[in-house]
């Protein structure tokens, strides 16, 4: 049995938002390690996911929302949950802007429900809460580090800042074994939110469509391959007790920030046809420059990204090429 397998074999794990982009990639790995995964998601759609039919046979699938506290109480206690990965959230900045109450309810209420139920249940080994670089809001000094203030100004950003403050509260007040992850723009196989730059660019390249760029193309961001993020989550859980990670937060970044146009150039080289695009310059309330330092994760977790942008995008394009052929 592998080192990972020895830790995860028969471990009762809850993944909220298990069918989402990051959730499905994480769940697939946990299942392969022998974990007993309970997957909670607001809707279960077995077609838009990278999870296989064999994976689903090994997952306790629960349809429902983290906003439903009674459901969480039942799920965590009935399945004797030992480790929680809380990924369920409104994940799109644009939807947070157009429907702020939905973002607040999902990202803030959903987080306090998870934390409170874990507090009352007790005896959990680790709770890992997925946050975002947006929780920091806007800072002049870059890259962002974990000790920067959480000061989001707009609905999505504020929802993540608030969720992180709730995590701090439950650790500092109740000693809850909880840690936070903050990532840049995650990309890779299985992202079906085509309002995001990379999956939409992949779709346009395969189908020959024109990519609509909402910004002016000069926004600067981190871009991190999904397998690297999953690896970071796994490391936090495995090292939680050994490294005393309760109350900690970790940035995961490739530490090679790029503008949108620089990303467009790299992606265009993936296909002989290139990538056609149109710059709309219509984005509202988005931070111009935002990228992270992963120094803390490197030092404490021994984490580092395994894929550079070129290799990660090549693997991503290969996956989407096959996906759209089957569609």
C-alpha atoms as a PDB file:
ATOM      1  CA  UNK A   1       0.000   0.000   0.000  1.00  0.00           C
ATOM      2  CA  UNK A   2       1.260   3.500  -0.861  1.00  0.00           C
ATOM      3  CA  UNK A   3       2.112   6.129   1.742  1.00  0.00           C
ATOM      4  CA  UNK A   4      -1.068   7.969   0.771  1.00  0.00           C
ATOM      5  CA  UNK A   5      -3.082   4.759   0.967  1.00  0.00           C
ATOM      6  CA  UNK A   6      -1.960   4.036   4.513  1.00  0.00           C
ATOM      7  CA  UNK A   7      -3.311   7.402   5.641  1.00  0.00           C
ATOM      8  CA  UNK A   8      -6.544   7.423   3.634  1.00  0.00           C
ATOM      9  CA  UNK A   9      -7.559   3.747   3.637  1.00  0.00           C
ATOM     10  CA  UNK A  10     -11.105   3.499   5.065  1.00  0.00           C
ATOM     11  CA  UNK A  11     -10.932   7.137   6.225  1.00  0.00           C
ATOM     12  CA  UNK A  12     -14.385   8.756   6.371  1.00  0.00           C
ATOM     13  CA  UNK A  13     -14.136  11.964   4.358  1.00  0.00           C
ATOM     14  CA  UNK A  14     -16.749  14.576   3.480  1.00  0.00           C
ATOM     15  CA  UNK A  15     -16.234  16.654   0.333  1.00  0.00           C
ATOM     16  CA  UNK A  16     -18.780  19.439  -0.090  1.00  0.00           C
ATOM     17  CA  UNK A  17     -19.168  20.542  -3.691  1.00  0.00           C
ATOM     18  CA  UNK A  18     -17.721  17.190  -4.763  1.00  0.00           C
ATOM     19  CA  UNK A  19     -18.968  17.455  -8.357  1.00  0.00           C
ATOM     20  CA  UNK A  20     -17.443  20.866  -8.964  1.00  0.00           C
ATOM     21  CA  UNK A  21     -14.212  21.418 -10.853  1.00  0.00           C
ATOM     22  CA  UNK A  22     -11.828  21.186  -7.905  1.00  0.00           C
ATOM     23  CA  UNK A  23     -14.137  18.912  -5.908  1.00  0.00           C
ATOM     24  CA  UNK A  24     -14.332  16.235  -8.598  1.00  0.00           C
ATOM     25  CA  UNK A  25     -10.565  16.209  -9.113  1.00  0.00           C
ATOM     26  CA  UNK A  26      -9.994  15.931  -5.346  1.00  0.00           C
ATOM     27  CA  UNK A  27     -12.688  13.274  -4.899  1.00  0.00           C
ATOM     28  CA  UNK A  28     -11.245  11.152  -7.712  1.00  0.00           C
ATOM     29  CA  UNK A  29      -7.842  11.082  -5.997  1.00  0.00           C
ATOM     30  CA  UNK A  30      -9.283  10.379  -2.546  1.00  0.00           C
ATOM     31  CA  UNK A  31     -11.271   7.432  -3.916  1.00  0.00           C
ATOM     32  CA  UNK A  32      -8.138   6.074  -5.589  1.00  0.00           C
ATOM     33  CA  UNK A  33      -6.363   6.208  -2.201  1.00  0.00           C
ATOM     34  CA  UNK A  34      -9.102   4.112  -0.583  1.00  0.00           C
ATOM     35  CA  UNK A  35     -10.932   6.858   1.325  1.00  0.00           C
ATOM     36  CA  UNK A  36     -14.627   6.408   2.067  1.00  0.00           C
ATOM     37  CA  UNK A  37     -15.885   9.616   0.503  1.00  0.00           C
ATOM     38  CA  UNK A  38     -19.252  11.178   1.209  1.00  0.00           C
ATOM     39  CA  UNK A  39     -19.916  13.665  -1.579  1.00  0.00           C
ATOM     40  CA  UNK A  40     -22.379  16.501  -0.992  1.00  0.00           C
ATOM     41  CA  UNK A  41     -23.489  18.727  -3.852  1.00  0.00           C
ATOM     42  CA  UNK A  42     -26.467  20.968  -4.535  1.00  0.00           C
ATOM     43  CA  UNK A  43     -27.130  19.105  -7.770  1.00  0.00           C
ATOM     44  CA  UNK A  44     -25.825  15.789  -8.995  1.00  0.00           C
ATOM     45  CA  UNK A  45     -25.007  15.706 -12.692  1.00  0.00           C
ATOM     46  CA  UNK A  46     -22.991  12.641 -13.591  1.00  0.00           C
ATOM     47  CA  UNK A  47     -22.418  13.848 -17.147  1.00  0.00           C
ATOM     48  CA  UNK A  48     -20.501  17.064 -16.442  1.00  0.00           C
ATOM     49  CA  UNK A  49     -17.769  15.681 -14.231  1.00  0.00           C
ATOM     50  CA  UNK A  50     -14.470  13.865 -14.562  1.00  0.00           C
ATOM     51  CA  UNK A  51     -15.654  11.230 -12.070  1.00  0.00           C
ATOM     52  CA  UNK A  52     -16.177   7.819 -13.629  1.00  0.00           C
ATOM     53  CA  UNK A  53     -19.056   5.425 -13.064  1.00  0.00           C
ATOM     54  CA  UNK A  54     -16.662   3.301 -11.008  1.00  0.00           C
ATOM     55  CA  UNK A  55     -15.868   6.332  -8.841  1.00  0.00           C
ATOM     56  CA  UNK A  56     -19.562   6.956  -8.215  1.00  0.00           C
ATOM     57  CA  UNK A  57     -20.033   3.389  -7.014  1.00  0.00           C
ATOM     58  CA  UNK A  58     -17.500   4.100  -4.262  1.00  0.00           C
ATOM     59  CA  UNK A  59     -18.941   7.484  -3.211  1.00  0.00           C
ATOM     60  CA  UNK A  60     -21.804   8.070  -0.787  1.00  0.00           C
ATOM     61  CA  UNK A  61     -23.628  10.646  -2.892  1.00  0.00           C
ATOM     62  CA  UNK A  62     -25.797  13.172  -1.062  1.00  0.00           C
ATOM     63  CA  UNK A  63     -27.821  15.741  -2.986  1.00  0.00           C
ATOM     64  CA  UNK A  64     -28.286  18.926  -1.018  1.00  0.00           C
ATOM     65  CA  UNK A  65     -26.893  22.291   0.019  1.00  0.00           C
ATOM     66  CA  UNK A  66     -24.471  23.338   2.769  1.00  0.00           C
ATOM     67  CA  UNK A  67     -27.035  26.022   3.582  1.00  0.00           C
ATOM     68  CA  UNK A  68     -29.223  23.192   4.957  1.00  0.00           C
ATOM     69  CA  UNK A  69     -27.890  22.825   8.506  1.00  0.00           C
ATOM     70  CA  UNK A  70     -30.082  19.847   9.414  1.00  0.00           C
ATOM     71  CA  UNK A  71     -28.777  17.955   6.389  1.00  0.00           C
ATOM     72  CA  UNK A  72     -25.166  18.665   7.390  1.00  0.00           C
ATOM     73  CA  UNK A  73     -25.878  17.452  10.908  1.00  0.00           C
ATOM     74  CA  UNK A  74     -27.270  14.200   9.566  1.00  0.00           C
ATOM     75  CA  UNK A  75     -24.503  13.662   6.997  1.00  0.00           C
ATOM     76  CA  UNK A  76     -21.567  14.291   9.347  1.00  0.00           C
ATOM     77  CA  UNK A  77     -22.900  12.211  12.235  1.00  0.00           C
ATOM     78  CA  UNK A  78     -24.366   9.334  10.238  1.00  0.00           C
ATOM     79  CA  UNK A  79     -21.169   8.804   8.247  1.00  0.00           C
ATOM     80  CA  UNK A  80     -18.791   9.269  11.184  1.00  0.00           C
ATOM     81  CA  UNK A  81     -16.873  11.915   9.250  1.00  0.00           C
ATOM     82  CA  UNK A  82     -13.212  12.315  10.238  1.00  0.00           C
ATOM     83  CA  UNK A  83     -11.956  14.822   7.656  1.00  0.00           C
ATOM     84  CA  UNK A  84     -13.901  17.576   5.875  1.00  0.00           C
ATOM     85  CA  UNK A  85     -12.948  19.345   2.665  1.00  0.00           C
ATOM     86  CA  UNK A  86     -15.356  22.271   2.383  1.00  0.00           C
ATOM     87  CA  UNK A  87     -15.354  23.304  -1.277  1.00  0.00           C
ATOM     88  CA  UNK A  88     -19.057  24.045  -1.866  1.00  0.00           C
ATOM     89  CA  UNK A  89     -19.468  27.708  -2.770  1.00  0.00           C
ATOM     90  CA  UNK A  90     -20.620  30.208  -5.331  1.00  0.00           C
ATOM     91  CA  UNK A  91     -17.383  30.127  -7.293  1.00  0.00           C
ATOM     92  CA  UNK A  92     -17.924  32.733 -10.024  1.00  0.00           C
ATOM     93  CA  UNK A  93     -17.119  36.402  -9.439  1.00  0.00           C
ATOM     94  CA  UNK A  94     -19.665  37.543 -12.033  1.00  0.00           C
ATOM     95  CA  UNK A  95     -22.537  35.640 -10.434  1.00  0.00           C
ATOM     96  CA  UNK A  96     -21.530  37.066  -7.055  1.00  0.00           C
ATOM     97  CA  UNK A  97     -21.870  40.542  -8.529  1.00  0.00           C
ATOM     98  CA  UNK A  98     -25.271  39.882 -10.149  1.00  0.00           C
ATOM     99  CA  UNK A  99     -26.710  37.790  -7.269  1.00  0.00           C
ATOM    100  CA  UNK A 100     -24.967  38.926  -4.063  1.00  0.00           C
ATOM    101  CA  UNK A 101     -27.435  37.341  -1.645  1.00  0.00           C
ATOM    102  CA  UNK A 102     -26.913  33.940  -3.238  1.00  0.00           C
ATOM    103  CA  UNK A 103     -23.141  34.318  -2.909  1.00  0.00           C
ATOM    104  CA  UNK A 104     -23.436  35.459   0.729  1.00  0.00           C
ATOM    105  CA  UNK A 105     -25.758  32.608   1.613  1.00  0.00           C
ATOM    106  CA  UNK A 106     -23.649  29.928  -0.037  1.00  0.00           C
ATOM    107  CA  UNK A 107     -20.190  31.189   0.901  1.00  0.00           C
ATOM    108  CA  UNK A 108     -20.824  32.661   4.344  1.00  0.00           C
ATOM    109  CA  UNK A 109     -23.837  30.783   5.730  1.00  0.00           C
ATOM    110  CA  UNK A 110     -22.609  27.524   4.213  1.00  0.00           C
ATOM    111  CA  UNK A 111     -19.246  27.965   5.917  1.00  0.00           C
ATOM    112  CA  UNK A 112     -20.633  28.759   9.353  1.00  0.00           C
ATOM    113  CA  UNK A 113     -22.963  25.768   9.075  1.00  0.00           C
ATOM    114  CA  UNK A 114     -19.997  23.474   8.391  1.00  0.00           C
ATOM    115  CA  UNK A 115     -17.915  24.970  11.190  1.00  0.00           C
ATOM    116  CA  UNK A 116     -20.708  24.893  13.752  1.00  0.00           C
ATOM    117  CA  UNK A 117     -21.675  21.308  13.006  1.00  0.00           C
ATOM    118  CA  UNK A 118     -18.034  20.228  13.210  1.00  0.00           C
ATOM    119  CA  UNK A 119     -17.701  22.067  16.532  1.00  0.00           C
ATOM    120  CA  UNK A 120     -20.735  20.343  18.009  1.00  0.00           C
ATOM    121  CA  UNK A 121     -19.841  16.929  16.619  1.00  0.00           C
ATOM    122  CA  UNK A 122     -16.265  17.135  17.896  1.00  0.00           C
ATOM    123  CA  UNK A 123     -13.408  14.683  17.328  1.00  0.00           C
ATOM    124  CA  UNK A 124     -12.771  15.650  13.707  1.00  0.00           C
ATOM    125  CA  UNK A 125      -9.177  15.225  12.608  1.00  0.00           C
ATOM    126  CA  UNK A 126      -9.074  18.094  10.119  1.00  0.00           C
ATOM    127  CA  UNK A 127     -11.310  20.578   8.306  1.00  0.00           C
ATOM    128  CA  UNK A 128      -9.917  22.237   5.180  1.00  0.00           C
ATOM    129  CA  UNK A 129     -11.863  25.244   3.903  1.00  0.00           C
ATOM    130  CA  UNK A 130     -11.375  26.374   0.311  1.00  0.00           C
ATOM    131  CA  UNK A 131     -11.015  30.124   0.020  1.00  0.00           C
ATOM    132  CA  UNK A 132      -9.587  32.325  -2.718  1.00  0.00           C
ATOM    133  CA  UNK A 133      -7.017  35.011  -3.414  1.00  0.00           C
ATOM    134  CA  UNK A 134     -10.074  37.290  -3.681  1.00  0.00           C
ATOM    135  CA  UNK A 135     -10.417  37.129   0.129  1.00  0.00           C
ATOM    136  CA  UNK A 136      -7.467  39.517   0.393  1.00  0.00           C
ATOM    137  CA  UNK A 137      -9.185  42.195  -1.632  1.00  0.00           C
ATOM    138  CA  UNK A 138      -6.797  44.655  -3.228  1.00  0.00           C
ATOM    139  CA  UNK A 139      -3.288  45.332  -1.866  1.00  0.00           C
ATOM    140  CA  UNK A 140      -0.592  47.505  -3.373  1.00  0.00           C
ATOM    141  CA  UNK A 141       2.265  45.254  -2.283  1.00  0.00           C
ATOM    142  CA  UNK A 142       2.584  42.029  -4.288  1.00  0.00           C
ATOM    143  CA  UNK A 143       2.678  39.063  -4.055  1.00  0.00           C
ATOM    144  CA  UNK A 144       0.011  38.534  -1.392  1.00  0.00           C
ATOM    145  CA  UNK A 145       1.092  36.668   1.725  1.00  0.00           C
ATOM    146  CA  UNK A 146      -0.999  34.854   4.312  1.00  0.00           C
ATOM    147  CA  UNK A 147      -0.615  37.617   6.907  1.00  0.00           C
ATOM    148  CA  UNK A 148      -2.203  40.247   4.646  1.00  0.00           C
ATOM    149  CA  UNK A 149      -5.503  41.743   5.778  1.00  0.00           C
ATOM    150  CA  UNK A 150      -8.744  40.219   4.479  1.00  0.00           C
ATOM    151  CA  UNK A 151     -10.540  43.211   2.970  1.00  0.00           C
ATOM    152  CA  UNK A 152     -12.728  42.328   0.024  1.00  0.00           C
ATOM    153  CA  UNK A 153     -14.765  45.236  -1.366  1.00  0.00           C
ATOM    154  CA  UNK A 154     -17.238  43.572  -3.733  1.00  0.00           C
ATOM    155  CA  UNK A 155     -19.796  40.771  -3.179  1.00  0.00           C
ATOM    156  CA  UNK A 156     -17.752  37.702  -4.137  1.00  0.00           C
ATOM    157  CA  UNK A 157     -14.575  39.017  -2.513  1.00  0.00           C
ATOM    158  CA  UNK A 158     -16.424  39.972   0.674  1.00  0.00           C
ATOM    159  CA  UNK A 159     -18.075  36.555   0.876  1.00  0.00           C
ATOM    160  CA  UNK A 160     -14.630  34.907   0.889  1.00  0.00           C
ATOM    161  CA  UNK A 161     -13.182  37.417   3.382  1.00  0.00           C
ATOM    162  CA  UNK A 162     -16.105  36.760   5.737  1.00  0.00           C
ATOM    163  CA  UNK A 163     -15.802  32.985   5.409  1.00  0.00           C
ATOM    164  CA  UNK A 164     -12.116  33.178   6.298  1.00  0.00           C
ATOM    165  CA  UNK A 165     -12.843  35.336   9.334  1.00  0.00           C
ATOM    166  CA  UNK A 166     -15.374  32.740  10.478  1.00  0.00           C
ATOM    167  CA  UNK A 167     -12.653  30.093  10.228  1.00  0.00           C
ATOM    168  CA  UNK A 168     -10.390  32.278  12.387  1.00  0.00           C
ATOM    169  CA  UNK A 169     -13.194  32.684  14.911  1.00  0.00           C
ATOM    170  CA  UNK A 170     -13.860  28.967  15.235  1.00  0.00           C
ATOM    171  CA  UNK A 171     -10.167  28.212  15.635  1.00  0.00           C
ATOM    172  CA  UNK A 172      -9.360  30.988  18.091  1.00  0.00           C
ATOM    173  CA  UNK A 173     -12.524  30.585  20.174  1.00  0.00           C
ATOM    174  CA  UNK A 174     -13.203  26.847  20.068  1.00  0.00           C
ATOM    175  CA  UNK A 175      -9.887  25.345  18.974  1.00  0.00           C
ATOM    176  CA  UNK A 176     -11.521  23.798  15.908  1.00  0.00           C
ATOM    177  CA  UNK A 177      -8.979  21.855  13.780  1.00  0.00           C
ATOM    178  CA  UNK A 178      -9.488  23.966  10.658  1.00  0.00           C
ATOM    179  CA  UNK A 179      -7.181  25.401   8.003  1.00  0.00           C
ATOM    180  CA  UNK A 180      -7.751  27.612   4.957  1.00  0.00           C
ATOM    181  CA  UNK A 181      -6.426  27.403   1.396  1.00  0.00           C
ATOM    182  CA  UNK A 182      -6.211  30.393  -0.941  1.00  0.00           C
ATOM    183  CA  UNK A 183      -5.462  29.804  -4.595  1.00  0.00           C
ATOM    184  CA  UNK A 184      -5.108  31.798  -7.761  1.00  0.00           C
ATOM    185  CA  UNK A 185      -6.916  30.834 -10.968  1.00  0.00           C
ATOM    186  CA  UNK A 186      -7.143  27.037 -11.046  1.00  0.00           C
ATOM    187  CA  UNK A 187      -7.308  25.371 -14.452  1.00  0.00           C
ATOM    188  CA  UNK A 188      -7.252  21.866 -15.872  1.00  0.00           C
ATOM    189  CA  UNK A 189      -9.533  18.994 -16.956  1.00  0.00           C
ATOM    190  CA  UNK A 190     -13.136  19.035 -15.817  1.00  0.00           C
ATOM    191  CA  UNK A 191     -13.874  22.751 -15.531  1.00  0.00           C
ATOM    192  CA  UNK A 192     -17.288  23.233 -17.121  1.00  0.00           C
ATOM    193  CA  UNK A 193     -17.689  26.888 -16.128  1.00  0.00           C
ATOM    194  CA  UNK A 194     -17.113  28.306 -19.582  1.00  0.00           C
ATOM    195  CA  UNK A 195     -17.422  31.870 -18.352  1.00  0.00           C
ATOM    196  CA  UNK A 196     -13.841  31.372 -17.119  1.00  0.00           C
ATOM    197  CA  UNK A 197     -10.948  32.268 -19.385  1.00  0.00           C
ATOM    198  CA  UNK A 198      -9.170  28.944 -19.827  1.00  0.00           C
ATOM    199  CA  UNK A 199     -12.054  26.485 -20.335  1.00  0.00           C
ATOM    200  CA  UNK A 200     -13.728  28.964 -22.682  1.00  0.00           C
ATOM    201  CA  UNK A 201     -10.474  29.411 -24.615  1.00  0.00           C
ATOM    202  CA  UNK A 202     -10.176  25.629 -24.913  1.00  0.00           C
ATOM    203  CA  UNK A 203     -13.748  25.404 -26.188  1.00  0.00           C
ATOM    204  CA  UNK A 204     -13.141  28.168 -28.732  1.00  0.00           C
ATOM    205  CA  UNK A 205      -9.932  26.581 -30.015  1.00  0.00           C
ATOM    206  CA  UNK A 206     -11.518  23.162 -30.496  1.00  0.00           C
ATOM    207  CA  UNK A 207     -14.698  24.545 -32.106  1.00  0.00           C
ATOM    208  CA  UNK A 208     -13.141  27.441 -33.994  1.00  0.00           C
ATOM    209  CA  UNK A 209     -15.168  30.086 -32.141  1.00  0.00           C
ATOM    210  CA  UNK A 210     -14.062  33.580 -31.125  1.00  0.00           C
ATOM    211  CA  UNK A 211     -13.065  34.004 -27.474  1.00  0.00           C
ATOM    212  CA  UNK A 212     -14.714  36.988 -25.768  1.00  0.00           C
ATOM    213  CA  UNK A 213     -12.230  38.606 -23.356  1.00  0.00           C
ATOM    214  CA  UNK A 214     -14.171  40.604 -20.757  1.00  0.00           C
ATOM    215  CA  UNK A 215     -11.178  42.581 -19.466  1.00  0.00           C
ATOM    216  CA  UNK A 216      -8.724  44.756 -21.389  1.00  0.00           C
ATOM    217  CA  UNK A 217      -6.317  41.809 -21.496  1.00  0.00           C
ATOM    218  CA  UNK A 218      -3.867  43.415 -19.086  1.00  0.00           C
ATOM    219  CA  UNK A 219      -5.144  41.952 -15.804  1.00  0.00           C
ATOM    220  CA  UNK A 220      -2.458  39.945 -14.000  1.00  0.00           C
ATOM    221  CA  UNK A 221      -3.252  36.642 -12.284  1.00  0.00           C
ATOM    222  CA  UNK A 222      -1.849  33.365 -10.971  1.00  0.00           C
ATOM    223  CA  UNK A 223      -2.669  30.254 -12.995  1.00  0.00           C
ATOM    224  CA  UNK A 224      -2.290  26.922 -11.180  1.00  0.00           C
ATOM    225  CA  UNK A 225      -2.909  23.421 -12.534  1.00  0.00           C
ATOM    226  CA  UNK A 226      -5.660  21.556 -10.690  1.00  0.00           C
ATOM    227  CA  UNK A 227      -3.547  18.486  -9.821  1.00  0.00           C
ATOM    228  CA  UNK A 228      -1.118  20.752  -7.980  1.00  0.00           C
ATOM    229  CA  UNK A 229      -3.954  22.217  -5.918  1.00  0.00           C
ATOM    230  CA  UNK A 230      -5.308  18.752  -5.107  1.00  0.00           C
ATOM    231  CA  UNK A 231      -1.828  17.770  -3.992  1.00  0.00           C
ATOM    232  CA  UNK A 232      -1.798  20.759  -1.647  1.00  0.00           C
ATOM    233  CA  UNK A 233      -5.136  19.795  -0.087  1.00  0.00           C
ATOM    234  CA  UNK A 234      -3.951  16.235   0.404  1.00  0.00           C
ATOM    235  CA  UNK A 235      -0.744  17.424   2.079  1.00  0.00           C
ATOM    236  CA  UNK A 236      -2.610  19.656   4.520  1.00  0.00           C
ATOM    237  CA  UNK A 237      -4.830  16.797   5.677  1.00  0.00           C
ATOM    238  CA  UNK A 238      -1.978  14.291   5.937  1.00  0.00           C
ATOM    239  CA  UNK A 239       0.287  16.673   7.856  1.00  0.00           C
ATOM    240  CA  UNK A 240      -2.437  18.332   9.918  1.00  0.00           C
ATOM    241  CA  UNK A 241      -1.594  16.783  13.290  1.00  0.00           C
ATOM    242  CA  UNK A 242       2.125  16.272  12.703  1.00  0.00           C
ATOM    243  CA  UNK A 243       2.719  19.928  11.755  1.00  0.00           C
ATOM    244  CA  UNK A 244      -0.019  21.375  14.009  1.00  0.00           C
ATOM    245  CA  UNK A 245      -1.766  23.134  11.124  1.00  0.00           C
ATOM    246  CA  UNK A 246      -4.959  24.151  12.964  1.00  0.00           C
ATOM    247  CA  UNK A 247      -5.644  27.850  12.437  1.00  0.00           C
ATOM    248  CA  UNK A 248      -3.207  28.137   9.530  1.00  0.00           C
ATOM    249  CA  UNK A 249      -3.838  29.443   6.022  1.00  0.00           C
ATOM    250  CA  UNK A 250      -1.877  28.540   2.905  1.00  0.00           C
ATOM    251  CA  UNK A 251      -1.498  30.182  -0.478  1.00  0.00           C
ATOM    252  CA  UNK A 252      -1.064  27.873  -3.462  1.00  0.00           C
ATOM    253  CA  UNK A 253       0.455  29.580  -6.471  1.00  0.00           C
ATOM    254  CA  UNK A 254       2.589  28.807  -9.489  1.00  0.00           C
ATOM    255  CA  UNK A 255       4.414  32.063  -8.659  1.00  0.00           C
ATOM    256  CA  UNK A 256       4.661  33.035 -12.320  1.00  0.00           C
ATOM    257  CA  UNK A 257       1.893  35.644 -12.750  1.00  0.00           C
ATOM    258  CA  UNK A 258       0.789  36.385 -16.300  1.00  0.00           C
ATOM    259  CA  UNK A 259      -1.476  38.884 -18.015  1.00  0.00           C
ATOM    260  CA  UNK A 260      -4.532  37.627 -19.849  1.00  0.00           C
ATOM    261  CA  UNK A 261      -2.866  38.384 -23.183  1.00  0.00           C
ATOM    262  CA  UNK A 262       0.229  36.421 -22.179  1.00  0.00           C
ATOM    263  CA  UNK A 263      -2.010  33.460 -21.405  1.00  0.00           C
ATOM    264  CA  UNK A 264      -3.737  33.897 -24.763  1.00  0.00           C
ATOM    265  CA  UNK A 265      -0.368  33.708 -26.497  1.00  0.00           C
ATOM    266  CA  UNK A 266       0.585  30.471 -24.705  1.00  0.00           C
ATOM    267  CA  UNK A 267      -2.792  28.881 -25.441  1.00  0.00           C
ATOM    268  CA  UNK A 268      -2.686  29.928 -29.116  1.00  0.00           C
ATOM    269  CA  UNK A 269       0.437  27.822 -29.564  1.00  0.00           C
ATOM    270  CA  UNK A 270      -1.436  24.678 -28.519  1.00  0.00           C
ATOM    271  CA  UNK A 271      -3.310  24.448 -31.807  1.00  0.00           C
ATOM    272  CA  UNK A 272      -2.264  24.876 -35.406  1.00  0.00           C
ATOM    273  CA  UNK A 273      -5.395  26.992 -35.866  1.00  0.00           C
ATOM    274  CA  UNK A 274      -4.428  29.306 -33.031  1.00  0.00           C
ATOM    275  CA  UNK A 275      -6.988  31.156 -30.904  1.00  0.00           C
ATOM    276  CA  UNK A 276      -9.230  33.904 -32.265  1.00  0.00           C
ATOM    277  CA  UNK A 277     -10.312  36.486 -29.707  1.00  0.00           C
ATOM    278  CA  UNK A 278     -12.054  39.810 -29.191  1.00  0.00           C
ATOM    279  CA  UNK A 279     -11.226  42.214 -26.342  1.00  0.00           C
ATOM    280  CA  UNK A 280     -14.463  43.599 -24.850  1.00  0.00           C
ATOM    281  CA  UNK A 281     -12.958  45.599 -21.961  1.00  0.00           C
ATOM    282  CA  UNK A 282     -16.272  45.313 -20.096  1.00  0.00           C
ATOM    283  CA  UNK A 283     -15.183  43.738 -16.787  1.00  0.00           C
ATOM    284  CA  UNK A 284     -16.421  45.502 -13.657  1.00  0.00           C
ATOM    285  CA  UNK A 285     -15.119  45.485 -10.087  1.00  0.00           C
ATOM    286  CA  UNK A 286     -12.191  43.198 -10.799  1.00  0.00           C
ATOM    287  CA  UNK A 287      -8.761  43.641  -9.239  1.00  0.00           C
ATOM    288  CA  UNK A 288      -6.145  44.603 -11.830  1.00  0.00           C
ATOM    289  CA  UNK A 289      -3.157  42.791 -10.363  1.00  0.00           C
ATOM    290  CA  UNK A 290      -3.391  39.876  -7.957  1.00  0.00           C
ATOM    291  CA  UNK A 291      -0.968  37.051  -7.335  1.00  0.00           C
ATOM    292  CA  UNK A 292       0.272  35.037  -4.394  1.00  0.00           C
ATOM    293  CA  UNK A 293       3.401  33.918  -2.605  1.00  0.00           C
ATOM    294  CA  UNK A 294       3.538  30.170  -1.848  1.00  0.00           C
ATOM    295  CA  UNK A 295       6.640  30.404   0.322  1.00  0.00           C
ATOM    296  CA  UNK A 296       4.759  29.241   3.425  1.00  0.00           C
ATOM    297  CA  UNK A 297       3.341  26.159   1.680  1.00  0.00           C
ATOM    298  CA  UNK A 298       6.776  25.308   0.340  1.00  0.00           C
ATOM    299  CA  UNK A 299       8.395  25.552   3.778  1.00  0.00           C
ATOM    300  CA  UNK A 300       5.762  23.925   5.981  1.00  0.00           C
ATOM    301  CA  UNK A 301       4.082  21.459   3.625  1.00  0.00           C
ATOM    302  CA  UNK A 302       6.951  20.738   1.259  1.00  0.00           C
ATOM    303  CA  UNK A 303       4.515  21.643  -1.520  1.00  0.00           C
ATOM    304  CA  UNK A 304       5.515  22.927  -4.915  1.00  0.00           C
ATOM    305  CA  UNK A 305       3.716  22.976  -8.261  1.00  0.00           C
ATOM    306  CA  UNK A 306       4.543  20.033 -10.484  1.00  0.00           C
ATOM    307  CA  UNK A 307       3.334  21.638 -13.708  1.00  0.00           C
ATOM    308  CA  UNK A 308       4.441  24.814 -15.412  1.00  0.00           C
ATOM    309  CA  UNK A 309       1.872  26.776 -17.393  1.00  0.00           C
ATOM    310  CA  UNK A 310       2.900  25.351 -20.780  1.00  0.00           C
ATOM    311  CA  UNK A 311       2.722  21.721 -19.631  1.00  0.00           C
ATOM    312  CA  UNK A 312      -0.470  22.260 -17.639  1.00  0.00           C
ATOM    313  CA  UNK A 313      -2.211  23.934 -20.571  1.00  0.00           C
ATOM    314  CA  UNK A 314      -1.048  21.211 -22.956  1.00  0.00           C
ATOM    315  CA  UNK A 315      -2.616  18.544 -20.732  1.00  0.00           C
ATOM    316  CA  UNK A 316      -5.749  20.662 -20.391  1.00  0.00           C
ATOM    317  CA  UNK A 317      -6.107  21.153 -24.156  1.00  0.00           C
ATOM    318  CA  UNK A 318      -5.687  17.421 -24.766  1.00  0.00           C
ATOM    319  CA  UNK A 319      -8.519  16.688 -22.337  1.00  0.00           C
ATOM    320  CA  UNK A 320     -10.920  19.272 -23.794  1.00  0.00           C
ATOM    321  CA  UNK A 321     -10.166  18.133 -27.336  1.00  0.00           C
ATOM    322  CA  UNK A 322     -11.398  14.653 -26.424  1.00  0.00           C
ATOM    323  CA  UNK A 323     -14.336  16.004 -24.425  1.00  0.00           C
ATOM    324  CA  UNK A 324     -15.762  18.127 -27.246  1.00  0.00           C
ATOM    325  CA  UNK A 325     -15.340  15.321 -29.771  1.00  0.00           C
ATOM    326  CA  UNK A 326     -17.515  13.089 -27.566  1.00  0.00           C
ATOM    327  CA  UNK A 327     -20.081  15.829 -26.903  1.00  0.00           C
END
